[in-house]
Amino acid sequence: MNNQKNLTHKFILLVFVLYGWISHAQDKKAEANSKEEVAFAVIEKAPHPKSCKVYENDPKALKQCFTEYISEQVRKNFRMKKFKNYPPKKYRVAVQFKIDTDGNIVDILARGADEKIEKEAIRVIKKVPRLIPGVTHGKKVSVLYAIPINFIIPNKSKK
């Protein structure tokens, strides 16, 4: 009987926790909508460069084109030479930014192994040219986007 009582208490606690979490999530969603910010995963028409304009009527292809474009910008502009003296291993920096209603990249945040890697990631994202802004319900909105940047410092072979 005592076990069933404990189980009932745990279930009630779980219901309250879930209710609080769901309420909080809905409040956050309403707050984001009031600021006209939308996550990339749910945007109707993703922000994009002019080179992706051919996909404007295909939301999935437009998102893919944007993702590939950002990845290419990172590959092209990330200066690996800055880290040639770092210990050999795989490094990762997570970058989050917003594309505002004018297509500018703003509010860039980076979290990585160290400050130098974070600064390089921010520098690279700042170099991305102005984009065509994202649209939801026919209205330009700010879009939140995140990308991991991974790179490997190989072992230096001795000659």
Protein backbone atom coordinates (compact mmCIF):
# COMPACT_ATOMS: atom_id res chain seq x y z
CA MET A 1 0.00 0.00 0.00
CA ASN A 2 2.86 2.33 0.87
CA ASN A 3 4.47 1.73 -2.56
CA GLN A 4 1.22 2.65 -4.30
CA LYS A 5 1.00 5.84 -2.23
CA ASN A 6 4.60 6.74 -3.21
CA LEU A 7 3.81 6.04 -6.84
CA THR A 8 0.72 8.26 -6.64
CA HIS A 9 2.77 11.10 -5.11
CA LYS A 10 5.44 10.75 -7.81
CA PHE A 11 2.79 10.81 -10.52
CA ILE A 12 1.18 13.95 -9.08
CA LEU A 13 4.59 15.61 -8.82
CA LEU A 14 5.34 14.67 -12.43
CA VAL A 15 2.02 16.14 -13.58
CA PHE A 16 2.77 19.43 -11.80
CA VAL A 17 6.30 19.58 -13.24
CA LEU A 18 5.05 18.86 -16.76
CA TYR A 19 2.25 21.40 -16.41
CA GLY A 20 4.74 24.04 -15.29
CA TRP A 21 7.10 23.18 -18.13
CA ILE A 22 4.33 23.30 -20.76
CA SER A 23 2.99 26.59 -19.37
CA HIS A 24 6.49 28.05 -19.40
CA ALA A 25 7.05 26.86 -22.99
CA GLN A 26 3.77 28.44 -24.11
CA ASP A 27 4.68 31.70 -22.36
CA LYS A 28 8.05 31.68 -24.12
CA LYS A 29 6.39 30.98 -27.47
CA ALA A 30 3.96 33.86 -26.98
CA GLU A 31 6.84 36.11 -25.93
CA ALA A 32 8.86 35.13 -29.01
CA ASN A 33 5.89 35.77 -31.28
CA SER A 34 5.36 39.19 -29.75
CA LYS A 35 8.98 40.06 -30.57
CA GLU A 36 8.53 38.53 -34.02
CA GLU A 37 11.32 35.98 -33.55
CA VAL A 38 10.93 32.51 -35.00
CA ALA A 39 13.19 29.48 -34.69
CA PHE A 40 14.69 28.28 -37.97
CA ALA A 41 13.04 24.87 -37.53
CA VAL A 42 9.54 26.35 -37.76
CA ILE A 43 10.00 29.32 -40.11
CA GLU A 44 7.70 29.27 -43.14
CA LYS A 45 10.15 30.94 -45.52
CA ALA A 46 13.77 30.78 -44.34
CA PRO A 47 16.15 33.69 -44.58
CA HIS A 48 18.47 33.16 -47.52
CA PRO A 49 21.07 34.66 -49.84
CA LYS A 50 20.13 35.77 -53.34
CA SER A 51 21.69 32.56 -54.69
CA CYS A 52 18.89 30.55 -52.99
CA LYS A 53 16.08 32.67 -54.45
CA VAL A 54 15.20 29.92 -56.95
CA TYR A 55 13.92 27.83 -54.01
CA GLU A 56 11.55 30.46 -52.58
CA ASN A 57 8.48 28.35 -53.42
CA ASP A 58 9.94 25.21 -51.81
CA PRO A 59 10.40 25.83 -48.04
CA LYS A 60 12.37 22.63 -47.42
CA ALA A 61 14.78 23.27 -50.30
CA LEU A 62 15.12 26.91 -49.23
CA LYS A 63 16.14 25.84 -45.70
CA GLN A 64 18.61 23.34 -47.14
CA CYS A 65 20.09 25.97 -49.46
CA PHE A 66 20.49 28.41 -46.54
CA THR A 67 22.12 25.75 -44.35
CA GLU A 68 24.56 24.81 -47.12
CA TYR A 69 25.30 28.50 -47.76
CA ILE A 70 26.15 29.16 -44.09
CA SER A 71 28.30 26.01 -43.94
CA GLU A 72 30.18 27.10 -47.06
CA GLN A 73 30.76 30.58 -45.59
CA VAL A 74 32.24 28.94 -42.48
CA ARG A 75 34.46 26.57 -44.51
CA LYS A 76 35.66 29.42 -46.69
CA ASN A 77 36.40 31.94 -43.94
CA PHE A 78 37.40 29.97 -40.83
CA ARG A 79 41.15 30.48 -40.34
CA MET A 80 42.52 27.14 -39.22
CA LYS A 81 46.09 28.52 -39.25
CA LYS A 82 45.27 30.50 -36.11
CA PHE A 83 45.10 27.21 -34.23
CA LYS A 84 48.11 25.36 -35.67
CA ASN A 85 49.84 25.34 -32.28
CA TYR A 86 46.82 23.91 -30.46
CA PRO A 87 47.04 20.32 -29.21
CA PRO A 88 45.92 17.78 -31.81
CA LYS A 89 42.28 16.83 -31.31
CA LYS A 90 38.76 17.61 -32.50
CA TYR A 91 37.44 21.04 -31.51
CA ARG A 92 33.85 22.25 -31.51
CA VAL A 93 32.26 25.63 -31.10
CA ALA A 94 28.50 26.13 -31.05
CA VAL A 95 27.36 29.39 -32.62
CA GLN A 96 23.91 30.94 -32.33
CA PHE A 97 22.74 34.08 -34.08
CA LYS A 98 19.69 35.91 -35.29
CA ILE A 99 18.89 37.10 -38.81
CA ASP A 100 16.86 40.26 -38.23
CA THR A 101 13.97 41.62 -40.31
CA ASP A 102 16.45 43.52 -42.50
CA GLY A 103 18.51 40.38 -43.22
CA ASN A 104 21.42 41.38 -40.98
CA ILE A 105 23.11 38.85 -38.71
CA VAL A 106 22.93 40.08 -35.12
CA ASP A 107 23.20 38.80 -31.54
CA ILE A 108 25.98 36.31 -32.27
CA LEU A 109 26.89 34.01 -29.40
CA ALA A 110 29.59 31.34 -29.39
CA ARG A 111 30.47 28.65 -26.89
CA GLY A 112 33.59 26.60 -27.45
CA ALA A 113 36.78 25.14 -26.08
CA ASP A 114 38.36 28.54 -25.51
CA GLU A 115 37.91 32.24 -26.13
CA LYS A 116 40.16 32.37 -29.21
CA ILE A 117 38.05 29.73 -30.97
CA GLU A 118 34.85 31.54 -29.97
CA LYS A 119 36.17 34.85 -31.34
CA GLU A 120 37.12 33.22 -34.64
CA ALA A 121 33.65 31.69 -34.96
CA ILE A 122 32.03 35.07 -34.31
CA ARG A 123 34.36 36.76 -36.83
CA VAL A 124 33.38 34.21 -39.49
CA ILE A 125 29.63 34.61 -38.91
CA LYS A 126 29.97 38.41 -39.00
CA LYS A 127 31.41 38.08 -42.51
CA VAL A 128 28.21 36.52 -43.88
CA PRO A 129 26.70 39.06 -46.30
CA ARG A 130 23.25 40.51 -45.74
CA LEU A 131 20.47 38.01 -46.40
CA ILE A 132 16.87 38.12 -47.57
CA PRO A 133 14.94 37.99 -44.25
CA GLY A 134 12.71 35.14 -43.11
CA VAL A 135 8.93 35.34 -43.48
CA THR A 136 6.07 33.83 -41.47
CA HIS A 137 2.38 34.56 -42.08
CA GLY A 138 3.43 36.96 -44.85
CA LYS A 139 5.44 39.10 -42.43
CA LYS A 140 9.22 39.54 -42.12
CA VAL A 141 10.47 38.09 -38.84
CA SER A 142 13.77 37.66 -37.04
CA VAL A 143 15.01 34.09 -37.25
CA LEU A 144 17.11 32.28 -34.65
CA TYR A 145 19.72 29.91 -36.07
CA ALA A 146 22.46 27.75 -34.58
CA ILE A 147 25.35 25.93 -36.16
CA PRO A 148 28.13 23.79 -34.75
CA ILE A 149 31.59 24.45 -36.13
CA ASN A 150 33.86 21.41 -35.88
CA PHE A 151 37.49 21.19 -36.87
CA ILE A 152 40.40 18.84 -36.23
CA ILE A 153 43.98 19.73 -35.43
CA PRO A 154 45.88 16.70 -36.74
CA ASN A 155 48.95 15.17 -35.14
CA LYS A 156 52.12 16.74 -36.47
CA SER A 157 54.14 14.04 -38.14
CA LYS A 158 57.85 14.04 -37.33
CA LYS A 159 60.23 13.81 -40.26
